[in-house]
Amino acid sequence: MPRISDLAWRNLVHDKVRLAVTLTGIVFAVVLIVVELGLFLGFTTTTSGLIDRSGADLWITAPHVPYIETGVDFSERKAYTVLATPGVARVSKFIARFTQWKRPDGRQESIFIVGFEPGRGLGGPWNIVAGEERDLATADNVFVDELYKDKLGVSRIGDVVEIRGHRARVAGFTRGIRSFTTAPYVFTSFKNAQDYAGVPQDQTVFLLVKASDGRDVGALIARLQTTLTHVDILTTSQFSGMTRFYWMFTTGAGVAVLLAALLGLVVGVVVVAQTIYATTMDHLKEYGTLKAMGATNRYLYRVIVEQALMAALAGYAFGMLVSLFVVRGSEQGGAAILLPGWMAFGMFWLTLAMCVSAAFVSIRKVTRLDPAMVFKG
């Protein structure tokens, strides 16, 4: 009886065209699933990036604010009440709001202005590649991301534009801070942001709170709730989750991406099942001969499954190679595709499962095979 792996390999490579179709189907499925799941991860990371990278333990908002883009003004004097609360290390006023950017050529663009208090370590930009955060303490200075230079009509430090009729000077650049919407993030000081976003001088949109080291955040929330009225107090993870849920599921964007990933899985299973089934049918007499020679059903099952596993390993390798190029290319685009290690590991097992499940279509055919067919004309 030939070795199972040898027989599986010969069956797989016997028809080079069919092998190419099989691998193409697997590669297509792997790349499609990686891209769609990577987009989903990139989108969720982007939607809550400002919250997750704020450095705050708590976010204080106006009542019933469902996600960061819908912040409502409230009195900035509440910051003094928060700071006087035992267990609070720092508090910072914060603005996040859509407004209008006027390029040097006069064209208008929608932006998302982010105003924070420099030096407090809360809510500022990250991945700074030109300029320093302290530069934003100067009146009119702003930071933009390199990805949006062309969109905003700027190219270097010192370029001057208008934001809501007020002068703004580009003082630095960040790298890779994407916005989920079409409006790029523009960082500036809290005072500048009040003018740029039309927030009254005695108002803020959020308060960012950093708890003292070792303090119980839950207990701190309880204390703040006894002294503050007409606000909501949320942990960073709570507010991040609310924002992600809104953009990913309430708007339907996340559902569409996940459905596309599911489609890739279905396509892969169908293509692999069809090609393995066709290969099995081509070798039906050989399988009948093996059964007539005493081969058990288990032996034949292993031949088909190993054939599927070989195709899965080759398809996964090629698929991940293509996916890495796609992920690398997305770094310079507006939509980030993320491929963390755990997802690459998960895709390996998903590809194996996809191909093995496809092989069961052929296994059912072999199960019903009558060895006597070998002796029939």
Protein backbone atom coordinates (compact mmCIF):
# COMPACT_ATOMS: atom_id res chain seq x y z
CA MET A 1 0.00 0.00 0.00
CA PRO A 2 1.58 3.34 -0.98
CA ARG A 3 2.36 5.87 1.74
CA ILE A 4 -0.55 8.20 2.38
CA SER A 5 1.46 11.41 2.00
CA ASP A 6 3.03 10.23 -1.28
CA LEU A 7 -0.33 9.30 -2.74
CA ALA A 8 -1.91 12.56 -1.60
CA TRP A 9 0.95 14.57 -3.16
CA ARG A 10 0.73 12.74 -6.50
CA ASN A 11 -3.02 13.29 -6.63
CA LEU A 12 -2.57 16.97 -5.88
CA VAL A 13 0.10 17.71 -8.52
CA HIS A 14 -1.16 15.29 -11.18
CA ASP A 15 -3.17 18.04 -12.92
CA LYS A 16 -1.13 21.27 -12.79
CA VAL A 17 -3.98 23.42 -14.07
CA ARG A 18 -6.36 22.12 -11.43
CA LEU A 19 -3.68 22.64 -8.76
CA ALA A 20 -3.28 26.24 -9.90
CA VAL A 21 -7.05 26.78 -9.67
CA THR A 22 -7.12 25.26 -6.18
CA LEU A 23 -4.26 27.44 -4.92
CA THR A 24 -5.75 30.53 -6.56
CA GLY A 25 -9.03 29.94 -4.76
CA ILE A 26 -7.32 29.49 -1.40
CA VAL A 27 -5.07 32.52 -1.91
CA PHE A 28 -8.04 34.64 -2.94
CA ALA A 29 -9.99 33.56 0.13
CA VAL A 30 -7.04 34.17 2.50
CA VAL A 31 -6.29 37.60 1.07
CA LEU A 32 -9.94 38.65 1.07
CA ILE A 33 -10.48 37.53 4.66
CA VAL A 34 -7.23 39.15 5.86
CA VAL A 35 -8.00 42.42 4.09
CA GLU A 36 -11.57 42.61 5.35
CA LEU A 37 -10.75 41.61 8.93
CA GLY A 38 -7.70 43.89 8.81
CA LEU A 39 -9.90 46.75 7.65
CA PHE A 40 -12.33 46.00 10.47
CA LEU A 41 -9.51 46.13 13.02
CA GLY A 42 -8.10 49.25 11.41
CA PHE A 43 -11.49 50.95 11.43
CA THR A 44 -12.21 50.09 15.06
CA THR A 45 -8.74 51.28 16.11
CA THR A 46 -9.16 54.50 14.14
CA THR A 47 -12.65 55.33 15.42
CA SER A 48 -11.51 55.36 19.04
CA GLY A 49 -7.88 56.38 18.54
CA LEU A 50 -8.27 59.78 20.22
CA ILE A 51 -9.83 58.15 23.27
CA ASP A 52 -7.46 55.19 23.54
CA ARG A 53 -4.34 57.35 23.14
CA SER A 54 -5.52 60.16 25.43
CA GLY A 55 -3.71 58.93 28.52
CA ALA A 56 -6.84 59.58 30.60
CA ASP A 57 -8.52 57.20 33.03
CA LEU A 58 -11.89 58.96 32.90
CA TRP A 59 -13.83 61.08 30.41
CA ILE A 60 -16.40 63.56 31.68
CA THR A 61 -18.98 64.50 29.06
CA ALA A 62 -22.30 66.28 28.80
CA PRO A 63 -25.22 63.89 29.49
CA HIS A 64 -26.01 61.18 26.94
CA VAL A 65 -23.10 61.77 24.54
CA PRO A 66 -22.98 58.46 22.59
CA TYR A 67 -19.59 58.88 20.89
CA ILE A 68 -16.75 61.39 20.72
CA GLU A 69 -17.85 63.23 17.58
CA THR A 70 -21.08 64.41 19.25
CA GLY A 71 -19.61 66.14 22.30
CA VAL A 72 -21.70 68.99 23.80
CA ASP A 73 -20.42 72.11 25.58
CA PHE A 74 -20.60 72.43 29.35
CA SER A 75 -19.03 74.75 31.92
CA GLU A 76 -15.27 74.46 32.21
CA ARG A 77 -15.56 75.44 35.89
CA LYS A 78 -16.39 71.81 36.60
CA ALA A 79 -12.66 71.17 36.11
CA TYR A 80 -11.95 72.86 39.47
CA THR A 81 -14.46 70.63 41.23
CA VAL A 82 -12.87 67.57 39.66
CA LEU A 83 -9.34 68.66 40.61
CA ALA A 84 -10.41 69.16 44.23
CA THR A 85 -11.71 65.59 44.43
CA PRO A 86 -9.46 63.18 46.39
CA GLY A 87 -7.86 60.64 44.06
CA VAL A 88 -7.56 62.97 41.04
CA ALA A 89 -3.98 63.55 39.89
CA ARG A 90 -4.64 65.73 36.83
CA VAL A 91 -7.57 67.10 34.87
CA SER A 92 -7.45 68.65 31.42
CA LYS A 93 -10.01 70.44 29.29
CA PHE A 94 -10.47 68.94 25.84
CA ILE A 95 -12.26 69.88 22.62
CA ALA A 96 -13.07 67.51 19.74
CA ARG A 97 -15.33 68.94 17.08
CA PHE A 98 -15.83 69.29 13.33
CA THR A 99 -15.01 72.64 11.75
CA GLN A 100 -13.86 74.14 8.43
CA TRP A 101 -10.31 74.47 7.10
CA LYS A 102 -9.56 76.95 4.31
CA ARG A 103 -6.59 75.93 2.17
CA PRO A 104 -4.11 78.51 0.82
CA ASP A 105 -5.80 78.16 -2.58
CA GLY A 106 -9.16 79.04 -1.03
CA ARG A 107 -10.75 75.58 -1.12
CA GLN A 108 -12.70 74.52 1.96
CA GLU A 109 -12.15 71.17 3.72
CA SER A 110 -13.91 69.68 6.73
CA ILE A 111 -11.56 68.85 9.62
CA PHE A 112 -11.89 67.51 13.15
CA ILE A 113 -10.19 69.96 15.50
CA VAL A 114 -8.62 68.45 18.63
CA GLY A 115 -7.86 70.95 21.37
CA PHE A 116 -5.94 69.95 24.50
CA GLU A 117 -3.85 71.62 27.19
CA PRO A 118 -0.15 71.14 26.33
CA GLY A 119 2.05 70.01 29.19
CA ARG A 120 -0.63 68.07 31.04
CA GLY A 121 0.07 64.76 29.35
CA LEU A 122 -3.56 64.21 28.39
CA GLY A 123 -5.17 64.23 24.94
CA GLY A 124 -2.17 65.35 22.88
CA PRO A 125 -0.90 64.05 19.52
CA TRP A 126 1.36 61.02 19.20
CA ASN A 127 3.83 59.81 16.56
CA ILE A 128 5.16 63.37 16.14
CA VAL A 129 7.73 63.46 13.31
CA ALA A 130 8.22 67.24 12.99
CA GLY A 131 7.90 69.88 15.70
CA GLU A 132 7.32 69.35 19.43
CA GLU A 133 4.12 69.21 21.46
CA ARG A 134 5.09 72.36 23.38
CA ASP A 135 4.98 74.29 20.07
CA LEU A 136 1.18 74.01 20.25
CA ALA A 137 1.14 76.27 23.33
CA THR A 138 1.87 79.15 20.93
CA ALA A 139 -1.18 80.97 19.57
CA ASP A 140 -2.45 79.79 16.16
CA ASN A 141 -0.12 76.77 15.92
CA VAL A 142 -1.54 73.43 14.71
CA PHE A 143 -0.29 69.93 13.93
CA VAL A 144 -1.61 67.86 11.02
CA ASP A 145 -0.81 64.34 9.84
CA GLU A 146 1.47 63.67 6.89
CA LEU A 147 -1.23 61.54 5.27
CA TYR A 148 -3.43 64.60 4.77
CA LYS A 149 -0.90 67.13 3.47
CA ASP A 150 -2.34 67.13 -0.03
CA LYS A 151 -5.94 67.18 1.18
CA LEU A 152 -5.25 70.18 3.42
CA GLY A 153 -3.03 71.96 0.89
CA VAL A 154 0.08 72.18 3.11
CA SER A 155 3.56 70.80 2.64
CA ARG A 156 5.90 72.18 5.31
CA ILE A 157 6.13 73.81 8.71
CA GLY A 158 5.20 77.47 8.51
CA ASP A 159 2.35 77.15 6.00
CA VAL A 160 -0.53 79.44 6.96
CA VAL A 161 -4.24 78.64 6.49
CA GLU A 162 -7.57 79.65 8.00
CA ILE A 163 -9.76 77.63 10.35
CA ARG A 164 -13.26 79.01 10.72
CA GLY A 165 -12.03 82.45 9.75
CA HIS A 166 -9.09 82.42 12.20
CA ARG A 167 -5.41 82.26 11.26
CA ALA A 168 -3.65 78.92 11.73
CA ARG A 169 0.01 78.07 11.21
CA VAL A 170 1.30 74.54 10.64
CA ALA A 171 3.90 73.94 13.39
CA GLY A 172 4.45 70.20 13.07
CA PHE A 173 3.40 66.88 11.61
CA THR A 174 2.36 63.49 12.94
CA ARG A 175 2.51 60.15 11.16
CA GLY A 176 -0.26 57.56 10.87
CA ILE A 177 -2.99 59.32 12.87
CA ARG A 178 -5.94 58.52 10.65
CA SER A 179 -9.49 59.73 10.95
CA PHE A 180 -12.35 57.30 10.37
CA THR A 181 -14.37 60.05 8.69
CA THR A 182 -13.20 62.12 5.74
CA ALA A 183 -12.26 64.95 8.14
CA PRO A 184 -8.57 64.78 9.22
CA TYR A 185 -7.59 65.36 12.83
CA VAL A 186 -5.92 68.73 13.47
CA PHE A 187 -4.30 69.17 16.89
CA THR A 188 -3.97 72.50 18.63
CA SER A 189 -4.13 74.04 22.10
CA PHE A 190 -7.41 74.18 24.00
CA LYS A 191 -7.51 78.01 23.74
CA ASN A 192 -6.97 77.94 19.99
CA ALA A 193 -9.59 75.21 19.59
CA GLN A 194 -12.21 77.36 21.32
CA ASP A 195 -11.88 79.87 18.47
CA TYR A 196 -11.51 77.27 15.73
CA ALA A 197 -14.53 75.24 16.87
CA GLY A 198 -16.75 78.06 18.09
CA VAL A 199 -16.74 76.91 21.71
CA PRO A 200 -17.48 79.77 24.18
CA GLN A 201 -14.58 80.91 26.35
CA ASP A 202 -16.08 79.52 29.59
CA GLN A 203 -17.04 76.17 28.06
CA THR A 204 -15.35 72.85 27.30
CA VAL A 205 -16.51 69.76 25.43
CA PHE A 206 -14.82 67.11 27.58
CA LEU A 207 -12.77 66.84 30.75
CA LEU A 208 -9.99 64.26 30.82
CA VAL A 209 -9.13 62.90 34.26
CA LYS A 210 -6.02 61.05 35.39
CA ALA A 211 -6.39 59.17 38.68
CA SER A 212 -3.68 59.18 41.31
CA ASP A 213 -1.42 56.12 41.26
CA GLY A 214 -2.98 53.16 42.99
CA ARG A 215 -6.41 54.73 43.28
CA ASP A 216 -9.53 52.67 42.61
CA VAL A 217 -11.11 54.20 39.50
CA GLY A 218 -14.54 52.83 40.44
CA ALA A 219 -14.38 54.53 43.83
CA LEU A 220 -13.19 57.75 42.17
CA ILE A 221 -16.20 57.71 39.82
CA ALA A 222 -18.51 57.32 42.82
CA ARG A 223 -16.94 60.34 44.53
CA LEU A 224 -17.16 62.45 41.39
CA GLN A 225 -20.82 61.56 40.92
CA THR A 226 -21.61 63.02 44.35
CA THR A 227 -20.06 66.40 43.47
CA LEU A 228 -20.84 66.78 39.76
CA THR A 229 -24.27 67.23 38.17
CA HIS A 230 -25.55 67.20 34.58
CA VAL A 231 -22.55 65.22 33.27
CA ASP A 232 -21.69 61.60 32.50
CA ILE A 233 -18.51 60.06 33.90
CA LEU A 234 -17.08 57.26 31.78
CA THR A 235 -13.94 55.18 31.90
CA THR A 236 -11.74 55.39 28.84
CA SER A 237 -12.62 51.81 27.87
CA GLN A 238 -16.36 52.53 28.20
CA PHE A 239 -16.24 55.64 26.03
CA SER A 240 -13.96 53.90 23.53
CA GLY A 241 -16.38 50.97 23.30
CA MET A 242 -19.37 53.27 22.80
CA THR A 243 -17.60 55.11 19.98
CA ARG A 244 -16.47 51.89 18.30
CA PHE A 245 -19.91 50.34 18.56
CA TYR A 246 -21.57 53.37 16.98
CA TRP A 247 -19.28 53.58 13.96
CA MET A 248 -18.90 49.84 13.42
CA PHE A 249 -22.44 48.61 14.00
CA THR A 250 -24.96 51.44 14.27
CA THR A 251 -23.80 52.87 10.94
CA GLY A 252 -23.49 49.38 9.43
CA ALA A 253 -19.87 49.89 8.31
CA GLY A 254 -18.49 47.08 10.45
CA VAL A 255 -21.25 44.66 9.46
CA ALA A 256 -20.52 45.21 5.77
CA VAL A 257 -16.82 44.49 6.28
CA LEU A 258 -17.50 41.33 8.29
CA LEU A 259 -19.96 40.10 5.64
CA ALA A 260 -17.27 40.57 2.99
CA ALA A 261 -14.86 38.49 5.11
CA LEU A 262 -17.53 35.78 5.40
CA LEU A 263 -17.96 35.88 1.63
CA GLY A 264 -14.24 35.25 1.22
CA LEU A 265 -14.49 32.21 3.45
CA VAL A 266 -17.46 30.84 1.48
CA VAL A 267 -15.68 31.40 -1.84
CA GLY A 268 -12.60 29.59 -0.57
CA VAL A 269 -14.59 26.58 0.66
CA VAL A 270 -16.55 26.30 -2.60
CA VAL A 271 -13.48 26.54 -4.85
CA VAL A 272 -11.43 24.09 -2.82
CA ALA A 273 -14.33 21.66 -2.45
CA GLN A 274 -14.97 21.71 -6.19
CA THR A 275 -11.35 21.13 -7.17
CA ILE A 276 -10.72 18.39 -4.60
CA TYR A 277 -13.98 16.73 -5.62
CA ALA A 278 -12.96 16.87 -9.29
CA THR A 279 -9.57 15.36 -8.43
CA THR A 280 -11.29 12.58 -6.47
CA MET A 281 -13.59 11.80 -9.39
CA ASP A 282 -10.60 11.61 -11.75
CA HIS A 283 -9.00 9.02 -9.47
CA LEU A 284 -12.18 7.14 -8.58
CA LYS A 285 -11.00 3.86 -10.16
CA GLU A 286 -7.67 4.13 -8.34
CA TYR A 287 -9.53 4.55 -5.05
CA GLY A 288 -11.69 1.55 -6.00
CA THR A 289 -8.54 -0.48 -6.69
CA LEU A 290 -7.14 0.46 -3.28
CA LYS A 291 -10.38 -0.63 -1.63
CA ALA A 292 -10.28 -3.90 -3.57
CA MET A 293 -6.71 -4.41 -2.30
CA GLY A 294 -7.92 -4.04 1.27
CA ALA A 295 -7.52 -0.31 1.92
CA THR A 296 -9.87 0.85 4.64
CA ASN A 297 -12.12 3.86 4.39
CA ARG A 298 -9.95 5.49 7.02
CA TYR A 299 -6.90 5.10 4.76
CA LEU A 300 -8.72 6.78 1.87
CA TYR A 301 -10.04 9.55 4.12
CA ARG A 302 -6.52 10.35 5.23
CA VAL A 303 -5.36 10.54 1.60
CA ILE A 304 -8.04 13.11 0.78
CA VAL A 305 -7.55 15.09 4.01
CA GLU A 306 -3.76 15.22 3.60
CA GLN A 307 -4.26 16.35 0.03
CA ALA A 308 -6.43 19.18 1.33
CA LEU A 309 -3.89 20.05 4.05
CA MET A 310 -1.07 20.27 1.51
CA ALA A 311 -3.15 22.63 -0.60
CA ALA A 312 -4.02 24.64 2.52
CA LEU A 313 -0.37 25.08 3.56
CA ALA A 314 0.70 26.20 0.09
CA GLY A 315 -2.32 28.50 -0.30
CA TYR A 316 -1.82 30.01 3.16
CA ALA A 317 1.86 30.75 2.46
CA PHE A 318 1.14 32.49 -0.85
CA GLY A 319 -1.94 34.22 0.57
CA MET A 320 -0.10 35.68 3.54
CA LEU A 321 2.71 36.86 1.28
CA VAL A 322 0.23 38.77 -0.87
CA SER A 323 -1.55 40.04 2.25
CA LEU A 324 1.68 41.46 3.68
CA PHE A 325 2.18 43.51 0.51
CA VAL A 326 -1.41 44.79 0.73
CA VAL A 327 -0.98 45.68 4.41
CA ARG A 328 2.28 47.49 3.70
CA GLY A 329 0.67 49.42 0.87
CA SER A 330 -2.19 50.53 3.11
CA GLU A 331 0.22 52.36 5.42
CA GLN A 332 0.28 55.26 2.97
CA GLY A 333 -3.46 55.24 2.36
CA GLY A 334 -6.41 56.67 4.20
CA ALA A 335 -7.62 53.26 5.45
CA ALA A 336 -5.28 51.17 7.59
CA ILE A 337 -5.28 47.38 7.24
CA LEU A 338 -3.95 45.78 10.41
CA LEU A 339 -2.45 42.29 10.56
CA PRO A 340 -1.46 41.52 14.16
CA GLY A 341 0.32 38.27 14.95
CA TRP A 342 -2.72 36.67 16.54
CA MET A 343 -4.73 37.24 13.35
CA ALA A 344 -2.03 35.66 11.15
CA PHE A 345 -1.98 32.68 13.53
CA GLY A 346 -5.76 32.45 13.47
CA MET A 347 -5.80 32.62 9.66
CA PHE A 348 -3.48 29.60 9.55
CA TRP A 349 -5.97 27.46 11.44
CA LEU A 350 -8.92 28.94 9.57
CA THR A 351 -7.30 28.02 6.23
CA LEU A 352 -6.70 24.47 7.42
CA ALA A 353 -10.29 24.18 8.65
CA MET A 354 -11.61 25.63 5.38
CA CYS A 355 -9.73 23.11 3.24
CA VAL A 356 -10.45 20.09 5.46
CA SER A 357 -14.16 20.91 5.56
CA ALA A 358 -14.12 21.20 1.77
CA ALA A 359 -12.54 17.74 1.57
CA PHE A 360 -15.55 16.14 3.27
CA VAL A 361 -17.52 16.54 0.04
CA SER A 362 -15.10 14.08 -1.58
CA ILE A 363 -14.95 11.82 1.45
CA ARG A 364 -18.69 11.16 1.18
CA LYS A 365 -18.22 10.04 -2.43
CA VAL A 366 -15.41 7.65 -1.52
CA THR A 367 -17.47 6.24 1.36
CA ARG A 368 -20.09 4.96 -1.10
CA LEU A 369 -17.50 3.56 -3.50
CA ASP A 370 -18.01 -0.09 -4.48
CA PRO A 371 -14.68 -1.93 -4.98
CA ALA A 372 -16.37 -4.13 -7.59
CA MET A 373 -16.40 -1.15 -9.99
CA VAL A 374 -12.77 -1.95 -10.76
CA PHE A 375 -13.82 -5.16 -12.51
CA LYS A 376 -16.64 -3.58 -14.50
CA GLY A 377 -16.08 -2.50 -18.05
